[in-house]
């Protein structure tokens, strides 16, 4: 049974997160040949003030769009 955990910084649109969960489950199903009923996908959302790269908190960082 694949158990897939993903950690994201909070703030994404709920519909996008749900599409991501479904897409991850589809990839696990296709690539691992796991039955869909056996796949678990969990999203752990972290507040931006609790996530840092080095000593720069995500809540303090300027938004950089690629």
PDB file of N, CA and C in Angstrom:
ATOM      1  N   UNK A   1       0.836  -1.172   0.000  1.00  0.00           N
ATOM      2  CA  UNK A   1       0.000   0.000   0.000  1.00  0.00           C
ATOM      3  C   UNK A   1       0.886   1.243   0.000  1.00  0.00           C
ATOM      4  N   UNK A   2       0.908   2.001  -1.095  1.00  0.00           N
ATOM      5  CA  UNK A   2       1.673   3.245  -1.102  1.00  0.00           C
ATOM      6  C   UNK A   2       1.032   4.292  -0.193  1.00  0.00           C
ATOM      7  N   UNK A   3       1.851   4.876   0.668  1.00  0.00           N
ATOM      8  CA  UNK A   3       1.426   6.003   1.493  1.00  0.00           C
ATOM      9  C   UNK A   3       2.324   7.166   1.109  1.00  0.00           C
ATOM     10  N   UNK A   4       1.724   8.195   0.543  1.00  0.00           N
ATOM     11  CA  UNK A   4       2.476   9.322   0.003  1.00  0.00           C
ATOM     12  C   UNK A   4       2.150  10.554   0.825  1.00  0.00           C
ATOM     13  N   UNK A   5       3.176  11.158   1.421  1.00  0.00           N
ATOM     14  CA  UNK A   5       2.991  12.367   2.218  1.00  0.00           C
ATOM     15  C   UNK A   5       3.705  13.523   1.538  1.00  0.00           C
ATOM     16  N   UNK A   6       3.008  14.648   1.422  1.00  0.00           N
ATOM     17  CA  UNK A   6       3.557  15.841   0.795  1.00  0.00           C
ATOM     18  C   UNK A   6       3.371  16.997   1.770  1.00  0.00           C
ATOM     19  N   UNK A   7       4.419  17.776   1.966  1.00  0.00           N
ATOM     20  CA  UNK A   7       4.334  18.954   2.821  1.00  0.00           C
ATOM     21  C   UNK A   7       4.344  20.192   1.938  1.00  0.00           C
ATOM     22  N   UNK A   8       3.354  21.056   2.146  1.00  0.00           N
ATOM     23  CA  UNK A   8       3.218  22.300   1.393  1.00  0.00           C
ATOM     24  C   UNK A   8       3.076  23.465   2.363  1.00  0.00           C
ATOM     25  N   UNK A   9       3.536  24.626   1.923  1.00  0.00           N
ATOM     26  CA  UNK A   9       3.259  25.835   2.679  1.00  0.00           C
ATOM     27  C   UNK A   9       1.796  26.205   2.422  1.00  0.00           C
ATOM     28  N   UNK A  10       1.076  26.563   3.473  1.00  0.00           N
ATOM     29  CA  UNK A  10      -0.331  26.937   3.344  1.00  0.00           C
ATOM     30  C   UNK A  10      -0.494  28.108   2.388  1.00  0.00           C
ATOM     31  N   UNK A  11      -1.676  28.170   1.769  1.00  0.00           N
ATOM     32  CA  UNK A  11      -2.006  29.326   0.956  1.00  0.00           C
ATOM     33  C   UNK A  11      -2.429  28.999  -0.458  1.00  0.00           C
ATOM     34  N   UNK A  12      -2.373  27.732  -0.832  1.00  0.00           N
ATOM     35  CA  UNK A  12      -2.794  27.358  -2.181  1.00  0.00           C
ATOM     36  C   UNK A  12      -4.306  27.200  -2.240  1.00  0.00           C
ATOM     37  N   UNK A  13      -4.847  27.403  -3.415  1.00  0.00           N
ATOM     38  CA  UNK A  13      -6.266  27.236  -3.669  1.00  0.00           C
ATOM     39  C   UNK A  13      -6.667  25.785  -3.393  1.00  0.00           C
ATOM     40  N   UNK A  14      -7.765  25.588  -2.694  1.00  0.00           N
ATOM     41  CA  UNK A  14      -8.221  24.242  -2.319  1.00  0.00           C
ATOM     42  C   UNK A  14      -8.426  23.339  -3.533  1.00  0.00           C
ATOM     43  N   UNK A  15      -8.984  23.864  -4.599  1.00  0.00           N
ATOM     44  CA  UNK A  15      -9.203  23.054  -5.802  1.00  0.00           C
ATOM     45  C   UNK A  15      -7.879  22.566  -6.388  1.00  0.00           C
ATOM     46  N   UNK A  16      -6.852  23.406  -6.378  1.00  0.00           N
ATOM     47  CA  UNK A  16      -5.535  23.003  -6.892  1.00  0.00           C
ATOM     48  C   UNK A  16      -4.951  21.878  -6.054  1.00  0.00           C
ATOM     49  N   UNK A  17      -5.086  21.985  -4.743  1.00  0.00           N
ATOM     50  CA  UNK A  17      -4.547  20.947  -3.863  1.00  0.00           C
ATOM     51  C   UNK A  17      -5.278  19.631  -4.109  1.00  0.00           C
ATOM     52  N   UNK A  18      -6.583  19.692  -4.267  1.00  0.00           N
ATOM     53  CA  UNK A  18      -7.339  18.463  -4.517  1.00  0.00           C
ATOM     54  C   UNK A  18      -6.980  17.846  -5.870  1.00  0.00           C
ATOM     55  N   UNK A  19      -6.778  18.681  -6.895  1.00  0.00           N
ATOM     56  CA  UNK A  19      -6.340  18.149  -8.201  1.00  0.00           C
ATOM     57  C   UNK A  19      -4.969  17.493  -8.071  1.00  0.00           C
ATOM     58  N   UNK A  20      -4.091  18.109  -7.299  1.00  0.00           N
ATOM     59  CA  UNK A  20      -2.760  17.553  -7.071  1.00  0.00           C
ATOM     60  C   UNK A  20      -2.850  16.184  -6.399  1.00  0.00           C
ATOM     61  N   UNK A  21      -3.684  16.066  -5.386  1.00  0.00           N
ATOM     62  CA  UNK A  21      -3.861  14.791  -4.686  1.00  0.00           C
ATOM     63  C   UNK A  21      -4.313  13.711  -5.668  1.00  0.00           C
ATOM     64  N   UNK A  22      -5.294  14.039  -6.485  1.00  0.00           N
ATOM     65  CA  UNK A  22      -5.795  13.057  -7.466  1.00  0.00           C
ATOM     66  C   UNK A  22      -4.718  12.688  -8.479  1.00  0.00           C
ATOM     67  N   UNK A  23      -3.940  13.678  -8.924  1.00  0.00           N
ATOM     68  CA  UNK A  23      -2.884  13.408  -9.899  1.00  0.00           C
ATOM     69  C   UNK A  23      -1.792  12.525  -9.302  1.00  0.00           C
ATOM     70  N   UNK A  24      -1.424  12.771  -8.061  1.00  0.00           N
ATOM     71  CA  UNK A  24      -0.414  11.937  -7.390  1.00  0.00           C
ATOM     72  C   UNK A  24      -0.926  10.503  -7.273  1.00  0.00           C
ATOM     73  N   UNK A  25      -2.182  10.344  -6.903  1.00  0.00           N
ATOM     74  CA  UNK A  25      -2.760   8.997  -6.798  1.00  0.00           C
ATOM     75  C   UNK A  25      -2.753   8.300  -8.157  1.00  0.00           C
ATOM     76  N   UNK A  26      -3.082   9.031  -9.225  1.00  0.00           N
ATOM     77  CA  UNK A  26      -3.080   8.447 -10.574  1.00  0.00           C
ATOM     78  C   UNK A  26      -1.678   7.988 -10.976  1.00  0.00           C
ATOM     79  N   UNK A  27      -0.665   8.791 -10.670  1.00  0.00           N
ATOM     80  CA  UNK A  27       0.717   8.410 -11.003  1.00  0.00           C
ATOM     81  C   UNK A  27       1.133   7.172 -10.219  1.00  0.00           C
ATOM     82  N   UNK A  28       0.816   7.130  -8.933  1.00  0.00           N
ATOM     83  CA  UNK A  28       1.152   5.952  -8.129  1.00  0.00           C
ATOM     84  C   UNK A  28       0.458   4.711  -8.692  1.00  0.00           C
ATOM     85  N   UNK A  29      -0.791   4.867  -9.091  1.00  0.00           N
ATOM     86  CA  UNK A  29      -1.552   3.755  -9.667  1.00  0.00           C
ATOM     87  C   UNK A  29      -0.898   3.270 -10.964  1.00  0.00           C
ATOM     88  N   UNK A  30      -0.559   4.205 -11.838  1.00  0.00           N
ATOM     89  CA  UNK A  30       0.004   3.848 -13.146  1.00  0.00           C
ATOM     90  C   UNK A  30       1.425   3.293 -13.037  1.00  0.00           C
ATOM     91  N   UNK A  31       2.257   3.937 -12.258  1.00  0.00           N
ATOM     92  CA  UNK A  31       3.677   3.560 -12.217  1.00  0.00           C
ATOM     93  C   UNK A  31       3.980   2.405 -11.274  1.00  0.00           C
ATOM     94  N   UNK A  32       3.219   2.296 -10.194  1.00  0.00           N
ATOM     95  CA  UNK A  32       3.467   1.219  -9.221  1.00  0.00           C
ATOM     96  C   UNK A  32       2.508   0.055  -9.381  1.00  0.00           C
ATOM     97  N   UNK A  33       1.527   0.217 -10.286  1.00  0.00           N
ATOM     98  CA  UNK A  33       0.489  -0.790 -10.490  1.00  0.00           C
ATOM     99  C   UNK A  33      -0.235  -1.129  -9.189  1.00  0.00           C
ATOM    100  N   UNK A  34      -0.373  -0.115  -8.344  1.00  0.00           N
ATOM    101  CA  UNK A  34      -1.083  -0.294  -7.071  1.00  0.00           C
ATOM    102  C   UNK A  34      -2.566  -0.066  -7.315  1.00  0.00           C
ATOM    103  N   UNK A  35      -3.414  -0.865  -6.686  1.00  0.00           N
ATOM    104  CA  UNK A  35      -4.839  -0.611  -6.816  1.00  0.00           C
ATOM    105  C   UNK A  35      -5.178   0.749  -6.189  1.00  0.00           C
ATOM    106  N   UNK A  36      -6.051   1.481  -6.842  1.00  0.00           N
ATOM    107  CA  UNK A  36      -6.418   2.805  -6.358  1.00  0.00           C
ATOM    108  C   UNK A  36      -6.915   2.742  -4.915  1.00  0.00           C
ATOM    109  N   UNK A  37      -7.598   1.676  -4.562  1.00  0.00           N
ATOM    110  CA  UNK A  37      -8.141   1.541  -3.205  1.00  0.00           C
ATOM    111  C   UNK A  37      -7.055   1.365  -2.142  1.00  0.00           C
ATOM    112  N   UNK A  38      -5.822   1.084  -2.572  1.00  0.00           N
ATOM    113  CA  UNK A  38      -4.723   0.885  -1.626  1.00  0.00           C
ATOM    114  C   UNK A  38      -3.832   2.113  -1.481  1.00  0.00           C
ATOM    115  N   UNK A  39      -4.064   3.128  -2.287  1.00  0.00           N
ATOM    116  CA  UNK A  39      -3.198   4.312  -2.304  1.00  0.00           C
ATOM    117  C   UNK A  39      -3.697   5.336  -1.298  1.00  0.00           C
ATOM    118  N   UNK A  40      -2.779   5.870  -0.511  1.00  0.00           N
ATOM    119  CA  UNK A  40      -3.088   6.931   0.449  1.00  0.00           C
ATOM    120  C   UNK A  40      -2.231   8.142   0.106  1.00  0.00           C
ATOM    121  N   UNK A  41      -2.862   9.301  -0.002  1.00  0.00           N
ATOM    122  CA  UNK A  41      -2.142  10.548  -0.252  1.00  0.00           C
ATOM    123  C   UNK A  41      -2.523  11.517   0.855  1.00  0.00           C
ATOM    124  N   UNK A  42      -1.525  12.035   1.543  1.00  0.00           N
ATOM    125  CA  UNK A  42      -1.760  12.979   2.637  1.00  0.00           C
ATOM    126  C   UNK A  42      -0.994  14.266   2.383  1.00  0.00           C
ATOM    127  N   UNK A  43      -1.672  15.375   2.556  1.00  0.00           N
ATOM    128  CA  UNK A  43      -1.051  16.684   2.415  1.00  0.00           C
ATOM    129  C   UNK A  43      -0.928  17.287   3.806  1.00  0.00           C
ATOM    130  N   UNK A  44       0.285  17.667   4.156  1.00  0.00           N
ATOM    131  CA  UNK A  44       0.535  18.364   5.410  1.00  0.00           C
ATOM    132  C   UNK A  44       0.815  19.820   5.059  1.00  0.00           C
ATOM    133  N   UNK A  45      -0.036  20.713   5.546  1.00  0.00           N
ATOM    134  CA  UNK A  45       0.147  22.131   5.249  1.00  0.00           C
ATOM    135  C   UNK A  45       0.788  22.826   6.449  1.00  0.00           C
ATOM    136  N   UNK A  46       1.819  23.604   6.150  1.00  0.00           N
ATOM    137  CA  UNK A  46       2.585  24.301   7.170  1.00  0.00           C
ATOM    138  C   UNK A  46       2.338  25.800   7.026  1.00  0.00           C
ATOM    139  N   UNK A  47       2.029  26.497   8.113  1.00  0.00           N
ATOM    140  CA  UNK A  47       1.865  27.945   8.016  1.00  0.00           C
ATOM    141  C   UNK A  47       3.179  28.595   7.568  1.00  0.00           C
ATOM    142  N   UNK A  48       3.100  29.666   6.775  1.00  0.00           N
ATOM    143  CA  UNK A  48       4.314  30.307   6.260  1.00  0.00           C
ATOM    144  C   UNK A  48       5.255  30.790   7.362  1.00  0.00           C
ATOM    145  N   UNK A  49       4.727  31.107   8.528  1.00  0.00           N
ATOM    146  CA  UNK A  49       5.580  31.548   9.625  1.00  0.00           C
ATOM    147  C   UNK A  49       6.272  30.387  10.332  1.00  0.00           C
ATOM    148  N   UNK A  50       5.997  29.166   9.891  1.00  0.00           N
ATOM    149  CA  UNK A  50       6.637  27.969  10.464  1.00  0.00           C
ATOM    150  C   UNK A  50       7.505  27.245   9.442  1.00  0.00           C
ATOM    151  N   UNK A  51       7.837  27.913   8.351  1.00  0.00           N
ATOM    152  CA  UNK A  51       8.667  27.321   7.294  1.00  0.00           C
ATOM    153  C   UNK A  51       9.742  28.326   6.903  1.00  0.00           C
ATOM    154  N   UNK A  52      10.976  27.865   6.838  1.00  0.00           N
ATOM    155  CA  UNK A  52      12.074  28.762   6.479  1.00  0.00           C
ATOM    156  C   UNK A  52      13.056  28.059   5.553  1.00  0.00           C
ATOM    157  N   UNK A  53      13.681  28.855   4.722  1.00  0.00           N
ATOM    158  CA  UNK A  53      14.837  28.416   3.949  1.00  0.00           C
ATOM    159  C   UNK A  53      15.999  29.167   4.569  1.00  0.00           C
ATOM    160  N   UNK A  54      16.905  28.409   5.183  1.00  0.00           N
ATOM    161  CA  UNK A  54      17.950  29.070   5.965  1.00  0.00           C
ATOM    162  C   UNK A  54      17.279  29.813   7.107  1.00  0.00           C
ATOM    163  N   UNK A  55      17.597  31.102   7.239  1.00  0.00           N
ATOM    164  CA  UNK A  55      16.984  31.891   8.309  1.00  0.00           C
ATOM    165  C   UNK A  55      15.904  32.842   7.804  1.00  0.00           C
ATOM    166  N   UNK A  56      15.411  32.610   6.578  1.00  0.00           N
ATOM    167  CA  UNK A  56      14.368  33.463   6.001  1.00  0.00           C
ATOM    168  C   UNK A  56      13.039  32.720   6.042  1.00  0.00           C
ATOM    169  N   UNK A  57      12.142  33.233   6.875  1.00  0.00           N
ATOM    170  CA  UNK A  57      10.819  32.634   6.964  1.00  0.00           C
ATOM    171  C   UNK A  57      10.048  32.889   5.679  1.00  0.00           C
ATOM    172  N   UNK A  58       9.250  31.918   5.286  1.00  0.00           N
ATOM    173  CA  UNK A  58       8.410  32.080   4.100  1.00  0.00           C
ATOM    174  C   UNK A  58       7.476  33.278   4.264  1.00  0.00           C
ATOM    175  N   UNK A  59       7.028  33.533   5.475  1.00  0.00           N
ATOM    176  CA  UNK A  59       6.146  34.665   5.733  1.00  0.00           C
ATOM    177  C   UNK A  59       6.855  36.000   5.553  1.00  0.00           C
ATOM    178  N   UNK A  60       8.183  36.009   5.631  1.00  0.00           N
ATOM    179  CA  UNK A  60       8.973  37.237   5.450  1.00  0.00           C
ATOM    180  C   UNK A  60       9.516  37.379   4.048  1.00  0.00           C
ATOM    181  N   UNK A  61       9.573  36.286   3.320  1.00  0.00           N
ATOM    182  CA  UNK A  61      10.181  36.287   1.989  1.00  0.00           C
ATOM    183  C   UNK A  61       9.295  37.013   0.981  1.00  0.00           C
ATOM    184  N   UNK A  62       9.917  37.687   0.029  1.00  0.00           N
ATOM    185  CA  UNK A  62       9.170  38.324  -1.057  1.00  0.00           C
ATOM    186  C   UNK A  62       8.714  37.226  -2.005  1.00  0.00           C
ATOM    187  N   UNK A  63       7.525  37.406  -2.571  1.00  0.00           N
ATOM    188  CA  UNK A  63       7.014  36.451  -3.542  1.00  0.00           C
ATOM    189  C   UNK A  63       7.850  36.522  -4.806  1.00  0.00           C
ATOM    190  N   UNK A  64       8.320  35.370  -5.243  1.00  0.00           N
ATOM    191  CA  UNK A  64       9.076  35.286  -6.485  1.00  0.00           C
ATOM    192  C   UNK A  64       8.307  34.370  -7.404  1.00  0.00           C
ATOM    193  N   UNK A  65       7.838  34.894  -8.501  1.00  0.00           N
ATOM    194  CA  UNK A  65       7.090  34.104  -9.478  1.00  0.00           C
ATOM    195  C   UNK A  65       7.996  33.785 -10.660  1.00  0.00           C
ATOM    196  N   UNK A  66       8.011  32.536 -11.036  1.00  0.00           N
ATOM    197  CA  UNK A  66       8.835  32.128 -12.192  1.00  0.00           C
ATOM    198  C   UNK A  66       8.021  32.183 -13.458  1.00  0.00           C
TER     199      UNK A  66
END
